[in-house]
PDB file of all heavy atoms in Angstrom:
ATOM      1  N   LEU A   1       0.825  -1.216  -0.002  1.00  0.00           N
ATOM      2  CA  LEU A   1      -0.004  -0.002  -0.003  1.00  0.00           C
ATOM      3  C   LEU A   1       0.864   1.266  -0.002  1.00  0.00           C
ATOM      4  O   LEU A   1       0.571   2.217  -0.716  1.00  0.00           O
ATOM      5  CB  LEU A   1      -0.944  -0.007   1.201  1.00  0.00           C
ATOM      6  CG  LEU A   1      -1.988  -1.128   1.245  1.00  0.00           C
ATOM      7  CD1 LEU A   1      -2.805  -1.031   2.531  1.00  0.00           C
ATOM      8  CD2 LEU A   1      -2.901  -1.082   0.032  1.00  0.00           C
ATOM      9  N   GLU A   2       1.914   1.257   0.785  1.00  0.00           N
ATOM     10  CA  GLU A   2       2.801   2.421   0.862  1.00  0.00           C
ATOM     11  C   GLU A   2       3.493   2.700  -0.469  1.00  0.00           C
ATOM     12  O   GLU A   2       3.534   3.838  -0.932  1.00  0.00           O
ATOM     13  CB  GLU A   2       3.859   2.219   1.942  1.00  0.00           C
ATOM     14  CG  GLU A   2       3.325   2.289   3.363  1.00  0.00           C
ATOM     15  CD  GLU A   2       4.402   2.009   4.382  1.00  0.00           C
ATOM     16  OE1 GLU A   2       5.462   1.444   4.011  1.00  0.00           O
ATOM     17  OE2 GLU A   2       4.201   2.354   5.548  1.00  0.00           O
ATOM     18  N   ILE A   3       4.060   1.655  -1.062  1.00  0.00           N
ATOM     19  CA  ILE A   3       4.799   1.806  -2.321  1.00  0.00           C
ATOM     20  C   ILE A   3       3.898   2.383  -3.405  1.00  0.00           C
ATOM     21  O   ILE A   3       4.304   3.260  -4.178  1.00  0.00           O
ATOM     22  CB  ILE A   3       5.374   0.445  -2.777  1.00  0.00           C
ATOM     23  CG1 ILE A   3       6.445  -0.052  -1.805  1.00  0.00           C
ATOM     24  CG2 ILE A   3       5.931   0.536  -4.200  1.00  0.00           C
ATOM     25  CD1 ILE A   3       7.740   0.696  -1.843  1.00  0.00           C
ATOM     26  N   ALA A   4       2.669   1.901  -3.466  1.00  0.00           N
ATOM     27  CA  ALA A   4       1.751   2.353  -4.499  1.00  0.00           C
ATOM     28  C   ALA A   4       1.168   3.722  -4.224  1.00  0.00           C
ATOM     29  O   ALA A   4       0.998   4.545  -5.142  1.00  0.00           O
ATOM     30  CB  ALA A   4       0.621   1.333  -4.680  1.00  0.00           C
ATOM     31  N   ALA A   5       0.867   4.013  -2.959  1.00  0.00           N
ATOM     32  CA  ALA A   5       0.081   5.196  -2.642  1.00  0.00           C
ATOM     33  C   ALA A   5       0.890   6.472  -2.415  1.00  0.00           C
ATOM     34  O   ALA A   5       0.468   7.558  -2.814  1.00  0.00           O
ATOM     35  CB  ALA A   5      -0.795   4.929  -1.421  1.00  0.00           C
ATOM     36  N   LEU A   6       2.036   6.363  -1.748  1.00  0.00           N
ATOM     37  CA  LEU A   6       2.762   7.587  -1.396  1.00  0.00           C
ATOM     38  C   LEU A   6       3.117   8.434  -2.625  1.00  0.00           C
ATOM     39  O   LEU A   6       2.918   9.651  -2.604  1.00  0.00           O
ATOM     40  CB  LEU A   6       4.010   7.254  -0.593  1.00  0.00           C
ATOM     41  CG  LEU A   6       4.829   8.462  -0.117  1.00  0.00           C
ATOM     42  CD1 LEU A   6       3.975   9.433   0.698  1.00  0.00           C
ATOM     43  CD2 LEU A   6       6.047   8.018   0.684  1.00  0.00           C
ATOM     44  N   PRO A   7       3.623   7.864  -3.723  1.00  0.00           N
ATOM     45  CA  PRO A   7       3.930   8.704  -4.888  1.00  0.00           C
ATOM     46  C   PRO A   7       2.698   9.413  -5.443  1.00  0.00           C
ATOM     47  O   PRO A   7       2.803  10.528  -5.983  1.00  0.00           O
ATOM     48  CB  PRO A   7       4.499   7.706  -5.918  1.00  0.00           C
ATOM     49  CG  PRO A   7       4.977   6.558  -5.109  1.00  0.00           C
ATOM     50  CD  PRO A   7       4.033   6.466  -3.948  1.00  0.00           C
ATOM     51  N   LEU A   8       1.538   8.786  -5.309  1.00  0.00           N
ATOM     52  CA  LEU A   8       0.308   9.363  -5.875  1.00  0.00           C
ATOM     53  C   LEU A   8      -0.193  10.561  -5.087  1.00  0.00           C
ATOM     54  O   LEU A   8      -1.071  11.282  -5.562  1.00  0.00           O
ATOM     55  CB  LEU A   8      -0.778   8.292  -5.956  1.00  0.00           C
ATOM     56  CG  LEU A   8      -0.489   7.117  -6.900  1.00  0.00           C
ATOM     57  CD1 LEU A   8      -1.640   6.117  -6.851  1.00  0.00           C
ATOM     58  CD2 LEU A   8      -0.255   7.599  -8.322  1.00  0.00           C
ATOM     59  N   VAL A   9       0.354  10.778  -3.895  1.00  0.00           N
ATOM     60  CA  VAL A   9      -0.031  11.963  -3.126  1.00  0.00           C
ATOM     61  C   VAL A   9       0.257  13.228  -3.933  1.00  0.00           C
ATOM     62  O   VAL A   9      -0.454  14.235  -3.827  1.00  0.00           O
ATOM     63  CB  VAL A   9       0.690  11.989  -1.762  1.00  0.00           C
ATOM     64  CG1 VAL A   9       0.486  13.308  -1.054  1.00  0.00           C
ATOM     65  CG2 VAL A   9       0.179  10.836  -0.887  1.00  0.00           C
ATOM     66  N   HIS A  10       1.302  13.158  -4.763  1.00  0.00           N
ATOM     67  CA  HIS A  10       1.577  14.314  -5.650  1.00  0.00           C
ATOM     68  C   HIS A  10       1.598  13.878  -7.119  1.00  0.00           C
ATOM     69  O   HIS A  10       2.335  14.457  -7.930  1.00  0.00           O
ATOM     70  CB  HIS A  10       2.878  15.011  -5.275  1.00  0.00           C
ATOM     71  CG  HIS A  10       2.874  16.478  -5.653  1.00  0.00           C
ATOM     72  ND1 HIS A  10       2.774  16.919  -6.952  1.00  0.00           N
ATOM     73  CD2 HIS A  10       2.915  17.603  -4.893  1.00  0.00           C
ATOM     74  CE1 HIS A  10       2.797  18.239  -6.995  1.00  0.00           C
ATOM     75  NE2 HIS A  10       2.866  18.686  -5.739  1.00  0.00           N
ATOM     76  N   GLY A  11       0.826  12.863  -7.458  1.00  0.00           N
ATOM     77  CA  GLY A  11       0.642  12.501  -8.857  1.00  0.00           C
ATOM     78  C   GLY A  11       1.825  11.847  -9.533  1.00  0.00           C
ATOM     79  O   GLY A  11       1.904  11.839 -10.778  1.00  0.00           O
ATOM     80  N   ALA A  12       2.756  11.270  -8.777  1.00  0.00           N
ATOM     81  CA  ALA A  12       3.919  10.598  -9.374  1.00  0.00           C
ATOM     82  C   ALA A  12       3.522   9.192  -9.814  1.00  0.00           C
ATOM     83  O   ALA A  12       3.890   8.185  -9.219  1.00  0.00           O
ATOM     84  CB  ALA A  12       5.078  10.550  -8.387  1.00  0.00           C
ATOM     85  N   VAL A  13       2.774   9.129 -10.912  1.00  0.00           N
ATOM     86  CA  VAL A  13       2.192   7.859 -11.356  1.00  0.00           C
ATOM     87  C   VAL A  13       3.243   6.884 -11.875  1.00  0.00           C
ATOM     88  O   VAL A  13       3.096   5.674 -11.708  1.00  0.00           O
ATOM     89  CB  VAL A  13       1.103   8.099 -12.426  1.00  0.00           C
ATOM     90  CG1 VAL A  13      -0.083   8.823 -11.837  1.00  0.00           C
ATOM     91  CG2 VAL A  13       1.673   8.866 -13.609  1.00  0.00           C
ATOM     92  N   TRP A  14       4.294   7.400 -12.496  1.00  0.00           N
ATOM     93  CA  TRP A  14       5.336   6.513 -13.025  1.00  0.00           C
ATOM     94  C   TRP A  14       6.064   5.800 -11.878  1.00  0.00           C
ATOM     95  O   TRP A  14       6.308   4.594 -11.941  1.00  0.00           O
ATOM     96  CB  TRP A  14       6.324   7.287 -13.887  1.00  0.00           C
ATOM     97  CG  TRP A  14       5.771   7.676 -15.217  1.00  0.00           C
ATOM     98  CD1 TRP A  14       5.382   8.917 -15.624  1.00  0.00           C
ATOM     99  CD2 TRP A  14       5.523   6.786 -16.316  1.00  0.00           C
ATOM    100  NE1 TRP A  14       4.899   8.868 -16.919  1.00  0.00           N
ATOM    101  CE2 TRP A  14       4.977   7.580 -17.368  1.00  0.00           C
ATOM    102  CE3 TRP A  14       5.698   5.434 -16.527  1.00  0.00           C
ATOM    103  CZ2 TRP A  14       4.626   7.033 -18.601  1.00  0.00           C
ATOM    104  CZ3 TRP A  14       5.344   4.878 -17.749  1.00  0.00           C
ATOM    105  CH2 TRP A  14       4.811   5.678 -18.760  1.00  0.00           C
ATOM    106  N   THR A  15       6.374   6.534 -10.848  1.00  0.00           N
ATOM    107  CA  THR A  15       7.030   5.920  -9.682  1.00  0.00           C
ATOM    108  C   THR A  15       6.120   4.880  -9.047  1.00  0.00           C
ATOM    109  O   THR A  15       6.554   3.782  -8.690  1.00  0.00           O
ATOM    110  CB  THR A  15       7.407   6.987  -8.645  1.00  0.00           C
ATOM    111  OG1 THR A  15       8.283   7.930  -9.245  1.00  0.00           O
ATOM    112  CG2 THR A  15       8.088   6.372  -7.444  1.00  0.00           C
ATOM    113  N   ALA A  16       4.849   5.222  -8.884  1.00  0.00           N
ATOM    114  CA  ALA A  16       3.896   4.290  -8.281  1.00  0.00           C
ATOM    115  C   ALA A  16       3.809   3.003  -9.087  1.00  0.00           C
ATOM    116  O   ALA A  16       3.822   1.890  -8.520  1.00  0.00           O
ATOM    117  CB  ALA A  16       2.522   4.940  -8.160  1.00  0.00           C
ATOM    118  N   ALA A  17       3.726   3.122 -10.405  1.00  0.00           N
ATOM    119  CA  ALA A  17       3.560   1.943 -11.267  1.00  0.00           C
ATOM    120  C   ALA A  17       4.828   1.093 -11.314  1.00  0.00           C
ATOM    121  O   ALA A  17       4.795  -0.122 -11.101  1.00  0.00           O
ATOM    122  CB  ALA A  17       3.181   2.380 -12.672  1.00  0.00           C
ATOM    123  N   ILE A  18       5.964   1.721 -11.581  1.00  0.00           N
ATOM    124  CA  ILE A  18       7.216   0.986 -11.741  1.00  0.00           C
ATOM    125  C   ILE A  18       7.619   0.287 -10.453  1.00  0.00           C
ATOM    126  O   ILE A  18       7.996  -0.897 -10.449  1.00  0.00           O
ATOM    127  CB  ILE A  18       8.334   1.928 -12.230  1.00  0.00           C
ATOM    128  CG1 ILE A  18       8.045   2.393 -13.660  1.00  0.00           C
ATOM    129  CG2 ILE A  18       9.702   1.250 -12.144  1.00  0.00           C
ATOM    130  CD1 ILE A  18       8.920   3.511 -14.155  1.00  0.00           C
ATOM    131  N   PHE A  19       7.529   0.998  -9.350  1.00  0.00           N
ATOM    132  CA  PHE A  19       7.980   0.402  -8.095  1.00  0.00           C
ATOM    133  C   PHE A  19       6.969  -0.570  -7.501  1.00  0.00           C
ATOM    134  O   PHE A  19       7.349  -1.444  -6.719  1.00  0.00           O
ATOM    135  CB  PHE A  19       8.386   1.496  -7.104  1.00  0.00           C
ATOM    136  CG  PHE A  19       9.725   2.086  -7.438  1.00  0.00           C
ATOM    137  CD1 PHE A  19       9.826   3.161  -8.307  1.00  0.00           C
ATOM    138  CD2 PHE A  19      10.885   1.538  -6.917  1.00  0.00           C
ATOM    139  CE1 PHE A  19      11.060   3.686  -8.642  1.00  0.00           C
ATOM    140  CE2 PHE A  19      12.126   2.063  -7.246  1.00  0.00           C
ATOM    141  CZ  PHE A  19      12.218   3.134  -8.117  1.00  0.00           C
ATOM    142  N   SER A  20       5.722  -0.455  -7.858  1.00  0.00           N
ATOM    143  CA  SER A  20       4.754  -1.477  -7.458  1.00  0.00           C
ATOM    144  C   SER A  20       5.096  -2.811  -8.117  1.00  0.00           C
ATOM    145  O   SER A  20       5.019  -3.876  -7.476  1.00  0.00           O
ATOM    146  CB  SER A  20       3.334  -1.050  -7.828  1.00  0.00           C
ATOM    147  OG  SER A  20       2.891  -0.010  -6.979  1.00  0.00           O
ATOM    148  N   VAL A  21       5.487  -2.761  -9.379  1.00  0.00           N
ATOM    149  CA  VAL A  21       5.883  -3.977 -10.086  1.00  0.00           C
ATOM    150  C   VAL A  21       7.172  -4.533  -9.491  1.00  0.00           C
ATOM    151  O   VAL A  21       7.286  -5.746  -9.217  1.00  0.00           O
ATOM    152  CB  VAL A  21       6.058  -3.714 -11.596  1.00  0.00           C
ATOM    153  CG1 VAL A  21       6.658  -4.923 -12.289  1.00  0.00           C
ATOM    154  CG2 VAL A  21       4.723  -3.332 -12.231  1.00  0.00           C
ATOM    155  N   ALA A  22       8.167  -3.655  -9.274  1.00  0.00           N
ATOM    156  CA  ALA A  22       9.438  -4.105  -8.688  1.00  0.00           C
ATOM    157  C   ALA A  22       9.222  -4.705  -7.300  1.00  0.00           C
ATOM    158  O   ALA A  22       9.804  -5.754  -6.966  1.00  0.00           O
ATOM    159  CB  ALA A  22      10.416  -2.931  -8.607  1.00  0.00           C
ATOM    160  N   ASN A  23       8.373  -4.078  -6.512  1.00  0.00           N
ATOM    161  CA  ASN A  23       8.073  -4.581  -5.174  1.00  0.00           C
ATOM    162  C   ASN A  23       7.376  -5.941  -5.229  1.00  0.00           C
ATOM    163  O   ASN A  23       7.676  -6.832  -4.439  1.00  0.00           O
ATOM    164  CB  ASN A  23       7.187  -3.582  -4.432  1.00  0.00           C
ATOM    165  CG  ASN A  23       6.932  -3.960  -2.995  1.00  0.00           C
ATOM    166  OD1 ASN A  23       7.850  -4.288  -2.255  1.00  0.00           O
ATOM    167  ND2 ASN A  23       5.682  -3.909  -2.590  1.00  0.00           N
ATOM    168  N   ALA A  24       6.485  -6.108  -6.182  1.00  0.00           N
ATOM    169  CA  ALA A  24       5.782  -7.383  -6.343  1.00  0.00           C
ATOM    170  C   ALA A  24       6.764  -8.507  -6.670  1.00  0.00           C
ATOM    171  O   ALA A  24       6.654  -9.625  -6.137  1.00  0.00           O
ATOM    172  CB  ALA A  24       4.722  -7.275  -7.425  1.00  0.00           C
ATOM    173  N   VAL A  25       7.725  -8.227  -7.531  1.00  0.00           N
ATOM    174  CA  VAL A  25       8.725  -9.235  -7.893  1.00  0.00           C
ATOM    175  C   VAL A  25       9.570  -9.611  -6.680  1.00  0.00           C
ATOM    176  O   VAL A  25       9.772 -10.801  -6.392  1.00  0.00           O
ATOM    177  CB  VAL A  25       9.621  -8.721  -9.043  1.00  0.00           C
ATOM    178  CG1 VAL A  25      10.784  -9.687  -9.286  1.00  0.00           C
ATOM    179  CG2 VAL A  25       8.805  -8.548 -10.315  1.00  0.00           C
ATOM    180  N   LEU A  26      10.060  -8.608  -5.968  1.00  0.00           N
ATOM    181  CA  LEU A  26      10.884  -8.883  -4.792  1.00  0.00           C
ATOM    182  C   LEU A  26      10.094  -9.623  -3.714  1.00  0.00           C
ATOM    183  O   LEU A  26      10.604 -10.554  -3.102  1.00  0.00           O
ATOM    184  CB  LEU A  26      11.429  -7.581  -4.226  1.00  0.00           C
ATOM    185  CG  LEU A  26      12.636  -6.970  -4.950  1.00  0.00           C
ATOM    186  CD1 LEU A  26      12.979  -5.612  -4.382  1.00  0.00           C
ATOM    187  CD2 LEU A  26      13.842  -7.898  -4.868  1.00  0.00           C
ATOM    188  N   LEU A  27       8.845  -9.209  -3.496  1.00  0.00           N
ATOM    189  CA  LEU A  27       8.035  -9.886  -2.469  1.00  0.00           C
ATOM    190  C   LEU A  27       7.724 -11.327  -2.836  1.00  0.00           C
ATOM    191  O   LEU A  27       7.603 -12.169  -1.959  1.00  0.00           O
ATOM    192  CB  LEU A  27       6.742  -9.112  -2.234  1.00  0.00           C
ATOM    193  CG  LEU A  27       6.842  -7.850  -1.369  1.00  0.00           C
ATOM    194  CD1 LEU A  27       5.466  -7.236  -1.169  1.00  0.00           C
ATOM    195  CD2 LEU A  27       7.496  -8.141  -0.028  1.00  0.00           C
ATOM    196  N   ALA A  28       7.614 -11.606  -4.128  1.00  0.00           N
ATOM    197  CA  ALA A  28       7.363 -12.985  -4.536  1.00  0.00           C
ATOM    198  C   ALA A  28       8.518 -13.885  -4.080  1.00  0.00           C
ATOM    199  O   ALA A  28       8.290 -14.982  -3.538  1.00  0.00           O
ATOM    200  CB  ALA A  28       7.208 -13.060  -6.050  1.00  0.00           C
ATOM    201  N   PHE A  29       9.753 -13.417  -4.269  1.00  0.00           N
ATOM    202  CA  PHE A  29      10.915 -14.178  -3.807  1.00  0.00           C
ATOM    203  C   PHE A  29      10.986 -14.195  -2.283  1.00  0.00           C
ATOM    204  O   PHE A  29      11.264 -15.227  -1.667  1.00  0.00           O
ATOM    205  CB  PHE A  29      12.199 -13.590  -4.375  1.00  0.00           C
ATOM    206  CG  PHE A  29      12.422 -13.871  -5.835  1.00  0.00           C
ATOM    207  CD1 PHE A  29      12.172 -12.903  -6.793  1.00  0.00           C
ATOM    208  CD2 PHE A  29      12.859 -15.107  -6.252  1.00  0.00           C
ATOM    209  CE1 PHE A  29      12.367 -13.161  -8.145  1.00  0.00           C
ATOM    210  CE2 PHE A  29      13.060 -15.391  -7.600  1.00  0.00           C
ATOM    211  CZ  PHE A  29      12.806 -14.420  -8.544  1.00  0.00           C
ATOM    212  N   ARG A  30      10.722 -13.043  -1.696  1.00  0.00           N
ATOM    213  CA  ARG A  30      10.825 -12.894  -0.246  1.00  0.00           C
ATOM    214  C   ARG A  30       9.831 -13.808   0.488  1.00  0.00           C
ATOM    215  O   ARG A  30      10.190 -14.521   1.420  1.00  0.00           O
ATOM    216  CB  ARG A  30      10.555 -11.429   0.124  1.00  0.00           C
ATOM    217  CG  ARG A  30      10.340 -11.151   1.598  1.00  0.00           C
ATOM    218  CD  ARG A  30      11.618 -10.911   2.304  1.00  0.00           C
ATOM    219  NE  ARG A  30      11.386 -10.637   3.711  1.00  0.00           N
ATOM    220  CZ  ARG A  30      12.337 -10.220   4.544  1.00  0.00           C
ATOM    221  NH1 ARG A  30      13.564 -10.048   4.116  1.00  0.00           N
ATOM    222  NH2 ARG A  30      12.076 -10.006   5.808  1.00  0.00           N
ATOM    223  N   ILE A  31       8.589 -13.761   0.066  1.00  0.00           N
ATOM    224  CA  ILE A  31       7.560 -14.550   0.736  1.00  0.00           C
ATOM    225  C   ILE A  31       7.806 -16.047   0.563  1.00  0.00           C
ATOM    226  O   ILE A  31       7.621 -16.832   1.484  1.00  0.00           O
ATOM    227  CB  ILE A  31       6.158 -14.136   0.230  1.00  0.00           C
ATOM    228  CG1 ILE A  31       5.829 -12.733   0.764  1.00  0.00           C
ATOM    229  CG2 ILE A  31       5.098 -15.135   0.672  1.00  0.00           C
ATOM    230  CD1 ILE A  31       4.569 -12.136   0.166  1.00  0.00           C
ATOM    231  N   THR A  32       8.229 -16.428  -0.638  1.00  0.00           N
ATOM    232  CA  THR A  32       8.553 -17.842  -0.865  1.00  0.00           C
ATOM    233  C   THR A  32       9.647 -18.311   0.065  1.00  0.00           C
ATOM    234  O   THR A  32       9.536 -19.370   0.704  1.00  0.00           O
ATOM    235  CB  THR A  32       8.981 -18.061  -2.330  1.00  0.00           C
ATOM    236  OG1 THR A  32       7.903 -17.699  -3.204  1.00  0.00           O
ATOM    237  CG2 THR A  32       9.352 -19.519  -2.570  1.00  0.00           C
ATOM    238  N   ALA A  33      10.730 -17.525   0.173  1.00  0.00           N
ATOM    239  CA  ALA A  33      11.840 -17.896   1.042  1.00  0.00           C
ATOM    240  C   ALA A  33      11.416 -17.910   2.515  1.00  0.00           C
ATOM    241  O   ALA A  33      11.787 -18.812   3.271  1.00  0.00           O
ATOM    242  CB  ALA A  33      13.005 -16.923   0.834  1.00  0.00           C
ATOM    243  N   GLU A  34      10.629 -16.919   2.918  1.00  0.00           N
ATOM    244  CA  GLU A  34      10.204 -16.834   4.307  1.00  0.00           C
ATOM    245  C   GLU A  34       9.283 -17.981   4.693  1.00  0.00           C
ATOM    246  O   GLU A  34       9.454 -18.601   5.745  1.00  0.00           O
ATOM    247  CB  GLU A  34       9.516 -15.497   4.560  1.00  0.00           C
ATOM    248  CG  GLU A  34       9.110 -15.308   5.997  1.00  0.00           C
ATOM    249  CD  GLU A  34       8.522 -13.924   6.239  1.00  0.00           C
ATOM    250  OE1 GLU A  34       9.270 -12.940   6.124  1.00  0.00           O
ATOM    251  OE2 GLU A  34       7.322 -13.845   6.517  1.00  0.00           O
ATOM    252  N   GLU A  35       8.313 -18.278   3.860  1.00  0.00           N
ATOM    253  CA  GLU A  35       7.395 -19.365   4.186  1.00  0.00           C
ATOM    254  C   GLU A  35       8.089 -20.716   4.172  1.00  0.00           C
ATOM    255  O   GLU A  35       7.750 -21.599   4.961  1.00  0.00           O
ATOM    256  CB  GLU A  35       6.201 -19.328   3.231  1.00  0.00           C
ATOM    257  CG  GLU A  35       5.303 -18.110   3.456  1.00  0.00           C
ATOM    258  CD  GLU A  35       4.008 -18.170   2.683  1.00  0.00           C
ATOM    259  OE1 GLU A  35       3.906 -19.008   1.748  1.00  0.00           O
ATOM    260  OE2 GLU A  35       3.096 -17.379   2.995  1.00  0.00           O
ATOM    261  N   ARG A  36       9.072 -20.857   3.293  1.00  0.00           N
ATOM    262  CA  ARG A  36       9.849 -22.109   3.276  1.00  0.00           C
ATOM    263  C   ARG A  36      10.642 -22.251   4.576  1.00  0.00           C
ATOM    264  O   ARG A  36      10.700 -23.345   5.175  1.00  0.00           O
ATOM    265  CB  ARG A  36      10.787 -22.131   2.078  1.00  0.00           C
ATOM    266  CG  ARG A  36      11.535 -23.454   1.918  1.00  0.00           C
ATOM    267  CD  ARG A  36      12.491 -23.416   0.741  1.00  0.00           C
ATOM    268  NE  ARG A  36      11.762 -23.257  -0.506  1.00  0.00           N
ATOM    269  CZ  ARG A  36      11.932 -22.248  -1.352  1.00  0.00           C
ATOM    270  NH1 ARG A  36      12.795 -21.296  -1.066  1.00  0.00           N
ATOM    271  NH2 ARG A  36      11.246 -22.174  -2.473  1.00  0.00           N
TER     272      ARG A  36
END
């Protein structure tokens, strides 16, 4: 929520979009490793 929303407080849509995708990729690895 933070990664997606904070940039949009001032309309930084590119940052919100790009880093939401990057965060999703990292979290996919992170959650897999943590749950394992």
